[in-house]
Amino acid sequence: MNFKIEINKEENKVLSMVSGEVDAFTAPSLREELLAVDIQEDMLVELNLSEVSYMDSTGLGVIVAFYKNVTANKGKLVLVGLSQRLQRLFDITGLSGVIHIEKEGAVNDHERI
């Protein structure tokens, strides 16, 4: 299974890039990496999913748990780079109405990682 996550923190932003497959096998690693992120008040967390080739319900659960962690710490989570397939998954589950999804690239025009 190919899976990778890169997390970069700069000032009051966290930029993260997830690539590969997010499923029952890789989701625990994603959860562990995301839980290690120190979320501060008013922090913007961008989760770039443009390189995710597959995500199942386990992966969605990790994203939801991370969203709850970010909002509990008064930060803001934005998902970017969703493929049509991932966008449909978030739409079908109703999560696109809860978690902010940026449809046109990165927030505030900052560089992608």
N, C-alpha and C. Protein backbone atom coordinates (compact mmCIF):
# COMPACT_ATOMS: atom_id res chain seq x y z
N MET A 1 0.85 -1.19 0.00
CA MET A 1 0.00 0.00 0.00
C MET A 1 0.88 1.24 0.00
N ASN A 2 0.64 2.12 -0.93
CA ASN A 2 1.39 3.36 -0.92
C ASN A 2 0.59 4.43 -0.21
N PHE A 3 1.21 5.07 0.75
CA PHE A 3 0.58 6.12 1.53
C PHE A 3 1.67 7.01 2.08
N LYS A 4 1.42 8.30 2.05
CA LYS A 4 2.40 9.25 2.57
C LYS A 4 1.68 10.51 3.02
N ILE A 5 2.19 11.12 4.08
CA ILE A 5 1.67 12.42 4.51
C ILE A 5 2.85 13.31 4.86
N GLU A 6 2.79 14.53 4.37
CA GLU A 6 3.79 15.55 4.70
C GLU A 6 3.07 16.66 5.43
N ILE A 7 3.62 17.10 6.54
CA ILE A 7 3.01 18.17 7.33
C ILE A 7 4.05 19.25 7.55
N ASN A 8 3.71 20.47 7.16
CA ASN A 8 4.59 21.62 7.35
C ASN A 8 3.84 22.70 8.11
N LYS A 9 4.47 23.21 9.13
CA LYS A 9 3.85 24.27 9.94
C LYS A 9 4.60 25.56 9.69
N GLU A 10 3.85 26.63 9.46
CA GLU A 10 4.45 27.94 9.27
C GLU A 10 3.53 28.97 9.93
N GLU A 11 4.09 29.74 10.85
CA GLU A 11 3.33 30.73 11.60
C GLU A 11 2.04 30.12 12.13
N ASN A 12 0.90 30.63 11.66
CA ASN A 12 -0.39 30.16 12.17
C ASN A 12 -1.11 29.27 11.15
N LYS A 13 -0.33 28.55 10.34
CA LYS A 13 -0.88 27.65 9.32
C LYS A 13 -0.21 26.29 9.40
N VAL A 14 -0.98 25.29 9.09
CA VAL A 14 -0.43 23.95 8.92
C VAL A 14 -0.84 23.51 7.52
N LEU A 15 0.16 23.18 6.71
CA LEU A 15 -0.08 22.72 5.35
C LEU A 15 0.28 21.25 5.29
N SER A 16 -0.66 20.44 4.87
CA SER A 16 -0.38 19.00 4.82
C SER A 16 -0.82 18.43 3.48
N MET A 17 -0.03 17.48 3.01
CA MET A 17 -0.29 16.82 1.73
C MET A 17 -0.39 15.32 1.99
N VAL A 18 -1.52 14.75 1.63
CA VAL A 18 -1.73 13.32 1.77
C VAL A 18 -1.69 12.71 0.37
N SER A 19 -0.98 11.61 0.23
CA SER A 19 -0.94 10.94 -1.07
C SER A 19 -1.06 9.43 -0.91
N GLY A 20 -1.61 8.81 -1.93
CA GLY A 20 -1.77 7.37 -1.92
C GLY A 20 -3.18 6.95 -1.56
N GLU A 21 -3.30 5.78 -0.99
CA GLU A 21 -4.59 5.21 -0.62
C GLU A 21 -4.83 5.37 0.87
N VAL A 22 -6.01 5.83 1.23
CA VAL A 22 -6.39 5.97 2.64
C VAL A 22 -7.52 4.96 2.88
N ASP A 23 -7.15 3.87 3.52
CA ASP A 23 -8.10 2.79 3.75
C ASP A 23 -7.88 2.21 5.15
N ALA A 24 -8.51 1.08 5.42
CA ALA A 24 -8.41 0.46 6.75
C ALA A 24 -6.97 0.15 7.14
N PHE A 25 -6.13 -0.09 6.16
CA PHE A 25 -4.73 -0.41 6.42
C PHE A 25 -3.89 0.83 6.73
N THR A 26 -4.12 1.92 6.00
CA THR A 26 -3.29 3.13 6.15
C THR A 26 -3.91 4.19 7.06
N ALA A 27 -5.20 4.11 7.31
CA ALA A 27 -5.87 5.12 8.13
C ALA A 27 -5.26 5.28 9.53
N PRO A 28 -4.85 4.21 10.21
CA PRO A 28 -4.24 4.40 11.53
C PRO A 28 -2.98 5.27 11.47
N SER A 29 -2.19 5.14 10.43
CA SER A 29 -0.99 5.98 10.27
C SER A 29 -1.38 7.43 10.06
N LEU A 30 -2.41 7.64 9.24
CA LEU A 30 -2.89 9.01 9.01
C LEU A 30 -3.40 9.61 10.30
N ARG A 31 -4.18 8.84 11.04
CA ARG A 31 -4.73 9.31 12.32
C ARG A 31 -3.59 9.71 13.27
N GLU A 32 -2.59 8.86 13.38
CA GLU A 32 -1.46 9.13 14.27
C GLU A 32 -0.73 10.42 13.89
N GLU A 33 -0.48 10.60 12.60
CA GLU A 33 0.22 11.81 12.12
C GLU A 33 -0.62 13.06 12.38
N LEU A 34 -1.92 12.98 12.13
CA LEU A 34 -2.78 14.16 12.31
C LEU A 34 -2.97 14.49 13.79
N LEU A 35 -3.04 13.48 14.63
CA LEU A 35 -3.18 13.74 16.07
C LEU A 35 -1.94 14.40 16.65
N ALA A 36 -0.80 14.22 16.00
CA ALA A 36 0.45 14.81 16.48
C ALA A 36 0.55 16.31 16.16
N VAL A 37 -0.35 16.81 15.31
CA VAL A 37 -0.33 18.23 14.94
C VAL A 37 -0.85 19.05 16.12
N ASP A 38 -0.06 20.03 16.55
CA ASP A 38 -0.44 20.90 17.66
C ASP A 38 -1.31 22.03 17.12
N ILE A 39 -2.61 21.92 17.34
CA ILE A 39 -3.57 22.91 16.83
C ILE A 39 -3.71 24.04 17.85
N GLN A 40 -3.57 25.26 17.34
CA GLN A 40 -3.70 26.45 18.19
C GLN A 40 -4.95 27.23 17.76
N GLU A 41 -5.42 28.10 18.63
CA GLU A 41 -6.57 28.93 18.31
C GLU A 41 -6.30 29.78 17.06
N ASP A 42 -7.31 29.89 16.21
CA ASP A 42 -7.26 30.66 14.96
C ASP A 42 -6.28 30.09 13.93
N MET A 43 -5.82 28.89 14.11
CA MET A 43 -4.89 28.28 13.16
C MET A 43 -5.67 27.77 11.94
N LEU A 44 -5.10 27.98 10.76
CA LEU A 44 -5.65 27.44 9.53
C LEU A 44 -4.92 26.15 9.21
N VAL A 45 -5.67 25.09 9.04
CA VAL A 45 -5.10 23.79 8.70
C VAL A 45 -5.62 23.40 7.32
N GLU A 46 -4.70 23.28 6.38
CA GLU A 46 -5.07 22.89 5.03
C GLU A 46 -4.65 21.44 4.82
N LEU A 47 -5.60 20.62 4.45
CA LEU A 47 -5.34 19.21 4.17
C LEU A 47 -5.54 19.01 2.67
N ASN A 48 -4.42 18.84 1.97
CA ASN A 48 -4.45 18.69 0.52
C ASN A 48 -4.59 17.21 0.17
N LEU A 49 -5.68 16.88 -0.50
CA LEU A 49 -5.97 15.49 -0.84
C LEU A 49 -5.84 15.23 -2.34
N SER A 50 -5.16 16.13 -3.06
CA SER A 50 -5.07 16.01 -4.52
C SER A 50 -4.33 14.75 -4.98
N GLU A 51 -3.49 14.19 -4.13
CA GLU A 51 -2.73 13.00 -4.50
C GLU A 51 -3.32 11.72 -3.90
N VAL A 52 -4.52 11.81 -3.32
CA VAL A 52 -5.18 10.62 -2.76
C VAL A 52 -5.89 9.89 -3.89
N SER A 53 -5.49 8.65 -4.13
CA SER A 53 -6.06 7.88 -5.21
C SER A 53 -7.30 7.09 -4.79
N TYR A 54 -7.45 6.88 -3.47
CA TYR A 54 -8.58 6.09 -2.96
C TYR A 54 -8.79 6.41 -1.49
N MET A 55 -10.06 6.50 -1.08
CA MET A 55 -10.37 6.68 0.34
C MET A 55 -11.65 5.90 0.64
N ASP A 56 -11.62 5.15 1.74
CA ASP A 56 -12.81 4.43 2.15
C ASP A 56 -13.39 5.08 3.41
N SER A 57 -14.38 4.44 4.00
CA SER A 57 -15.06 5.01 5.16
C SER A 57 -14.13 5.16 6.37
N THR A 58 -13.12 4.31 6.45
CA THR A 58 -12.15 4.43 7.54
C THR A 58 -11.39 5.75 7.41
N GLY A 59 -11.00 6.09 6.20
CA GLY A 59 -10.32 7.35 5.94
C GLY A 59 -11.22 8.53 6.24
N LEU A 60 -12.49 8.42 5.87
CA LEU A 60 -13.45 9.49 6.19
C LEU A 60 -13.55 9.69 7.70
N GLY A 61 -13.55 8.59 8.43
CA GLY A 61 -13.62 8.67 9.89
C GLY A 61 -12.43 9.41 10.47
N VAL A 62 -11.26 9.20 9.90
CA VAL A 62 -10.05 9.90 10.36
C VAL A 62 -10.17 11.40 10.07
N ILE A 63 -10.68 11.75 8.89
CA ILE A 63 -10.86 13.16 8.53
C ILE A 63 -11.86 13.82 9.47
N VAL A 64 -12.96 13.14 9.77
CA VAL A 64 -13.97 13.68 10.69
C VAL A 64 -13.38 13.88 12.08
N ALA A 65 -12.63 12.91 12.57
CA ALA A 65 -12.01 13.03 13.90
C ALA A 65 -11.02 14.19 13.93
N PHE A 66 -10.27 14.37 12.85
CA PHE A 66 -9.33 15.48 12.77
C PHE A 66 -10.07 16.81 12.73
N TYR A 67 -11.16 16.86 11.97
CA TYR A 67 -11.99 18.07 11.92
C TYR A 67 -12.48 18.44 13.32
N LYS A 68 -12.95 17.44 14.06
CA LYS A 68 -13.44 17.69 15.42
C LYS A 68 -12.31 18.21 16.31
N ASN A 69 -11.12 17.66 16.18
CA ASN A 69 -9.96 18.10 16.96
C ASN A 69 -9.61 19.55 16.62
N VAL A 70 -9.58 19.87 15.33
CA VAL A 70 -9.23 21.22 14.90
C VAL A 70 -10.26 22.22 15.43
N THR A 71 -11.55 21.93 15.26
CA THR A 71 -12.58 22.87 15.69
C THR A 71 -12.66 22.96 17.22
N ALA A 72 -12.39 21.87 17.92
CA ALA A 72 -12.39 21.90 19.39
C ALA A 72 -11.29 22.82 19.92
N ASN A 73 -10.22 22.94 19.14
CA ASN A 73 -9.11 23.84 19.51
C ASN A 73 -9.23 25.21 18.84
N LYS A 74 -10.43 25.49 18.31
CA LYS A 74 -10.76 26.78 17.69
C LYS A 74 -9.92 27.12 16.47
N GLY A 75 -9.56 26.07 15.72
CA GLY A 75 -8.87 26.27 14.46
C GLY A 75 -9.85 26.08 13.32
N LYS A 76 -9.35 26.18 12.09
CA LYS A 76 -10.19 26.01 10.90
C LYS A 76 -9.53 25.01 9.97
N LEU A 77 -10.29 23.99 9.58
CA LEU A 77 -9.81 22.97 8.65
C LEU A 77 -10.39 23.23 7.27
N VAL A 78 -9.53 23.20 6.27
CA VAL A 78 -9.95 23.34 4.88
C VAL A 78 -9.37 22.17 4.10
N LEU A 79 -10.23 21.49 3.34
CA LEU A 79 -9.78 20.42 2.46
C LEU A 79 -9.61 21.00 1.06
N VAL A 80 -8.51 20.68 0.41
CA VAL A 80 -8.27 21.15 -0.96
C VAL A 80 -7.86 20.00 -1.85
N GLY A 81 -8.04 20.21 -3.15
CA GLY A 81 -7.55 19.26 -4.14
C GLY A 81 -8.34 17.97 -4.26
N LEU A 82 -9.61 17.97 -3.89
CA LEU A 82 -10.39 16.75 -3.97
C LEU A 82 -10.68 16.40 -5.43
N SER A 83 -10.46 15.14 -5.78
CA SER A 83 -10.84 14.66 -7.10
C SER A 83 -12.37 14.61 -7.16
N GLN A 84 -12.92 14.43 -8.34
CA GLN A 84 -14.37 14.30 -8.47
C GLN A 84 -14.88 13.14 -7.64
N ARG A 85 -14.12 12.08 -7.62
CA ARG A 85 -14.51 10.88 -6.85
C ARG A 85 -14.56 11.19 -5.34
N LEU A 86 -13.53 11.86 -4.83
CA LEU A 86 -13.52 12.22 -3.41
C LEU A 86 -14.60 13.24 -3.10
N GLN A 87 -14.78 14.21 -3.98
CA GLN A 87 -15.83 15.22 -3.76
C GLN A 87 -17.19 14.53 -3.66
N ARG A 88 -17.42 13.58 -4.53
CA ARG A 88 -18.68 12.83 -4.50
C ARG A 88 -18.84 12.07 -3.18
N LEU A 89 -17.77 11.47 -2.69
CA LEU A 89 -17.80 10.76 -1.42
C LEU A 89 -18.18 11.70 -0.27
N PHE A 90 -17.59 12.89 -0.26
CA PHE A 90 -17.92 13.87 0.78
C PHE A 90 -19.35 14.40 0.62
N ASP A 91 -19.81 14.55 -0.62
CA ASP A 91 -21.18 15.00 -0.87
C ASP A 91 -22.20 13.95 -0.42
N ILE A 92 -21.97 12.70 -0.81
CA ILE A 92 -22.91 11.61 -0.48
C ILE A 92 -23.06 11.44 1.03
N THR A 93 -21.95 11.58 1.75
CA THR A 93 -21.99 11.39 3.20
C THR A 93 -22.47 12.63 3.95
N GLY A 94 -22.62 13.74 3.23
CA GLY A 94 -23.07 14.98 3.87
C GLY A 94 -21.93 15.77 4.50
N LEU A 95 -20.71 15.25 4.41
CA LEU A 95 -19.57 15.92 5.05
C LEU A 95 -19.19 17.22 4.35
N SER A 96 -19.54 17.35 3.06
CA SER A 96 -19.21 18.59 2.36
C SER A 96 -20.03 19.76 2.90
N GLY A 97 -21.10 19.48 3.62
CA GLY A 97 -21.88 20.53 4.26
C GLY A 97 -21.36 20.89 5.63
N VAL A 98 -20.42 20.11 6.13
CA VAL A 98 -19.87 20.33 7.47
C VAL A 98 -18.43 20.84 7.40
N ILE A 99 -17.60 20.17 6.62
CA ILE A 99 -16.18 20.52 6.49
C ILE A 99 -16.01 21.41 5.27
N HIS A 100 -15.29 22.52 5.44
CA HIS A 100 -15.07 23.43 4.31
C HIS A 100 -14.17 22.77 3.27
N ILE A 101 -14.64 22.75 2.04
CA ILE A 101 -13.87 22.18 0.93
C ILE A 101 -13.62 23.31 -0.07
N GLU A 102 -12.35 23.59 -0.30
CA GLU A 102 -11.95 24.61 -1.26
C GLU A 102 -11.95 23.98 -2.64
N LYS A 103 -12.79 24.50 -3.51
CA LYS A 103 -12.93 23.88 -4.83
C LYS A 103 -11.91 24.39 -5.84
N GLU A 104 -11.35 25.56 -5.63
CA GLU A 104 -10.44 26.17 -6.61
C GLU A 104 -9.04 26.34 -6.08
N GLY A 105 -8.40 25.29 -5.61
CA GLY A 105 -7.01 25.38 -5.19
C GLY A 105 -6.85 25.76 -3.73
N ALA A 106 -5.67 26.21 -3.41
CA ALA A 106 -5.29 26.45 -2.02
C ALA A 106 -5.90 27.73 -1.47
N VAL A 107 -6.09 27.73 -0.18
CA VAL A 107 -6.63 28.89 0.53
C VAL A 107 -5.58 30.00 0.54
N ASN A 108 -6.02 31.23 0.37
CA ASN A 108 -5.14 32.41 0.43
C ASN A 108 -3.99 32.36 -0.57
N ASP A 109 -4.14 31.60 -1.62
CA ASP A 109 -3.14 31.54 -2.70
C ASP A 109 -1.74 31.18 -2.23
N HIS A 110 -1.58 30.52 -1.08
CA HIS A 110 -0.23 30.11 -0.66
C HIS A 110 0.19 28.90 -1.48
N GLU A 111 1.47 28.69 -1.53
CA GLU A 111 2.01 27.60 -2.34
C GLU A 111 1.62 26.26 -1.79
N ARG A 112 1.41 25.33 -2.71
CA ARG A 112 1.15 23.95 -2.32
C ARG A 112 2.46 23.32 -1.91
N ILE A 113 2.36 22.31 -1.06
CA ILE A 113 3.58 21.61 -0.65
C ILE A 113 3.74 20.35 -1.44
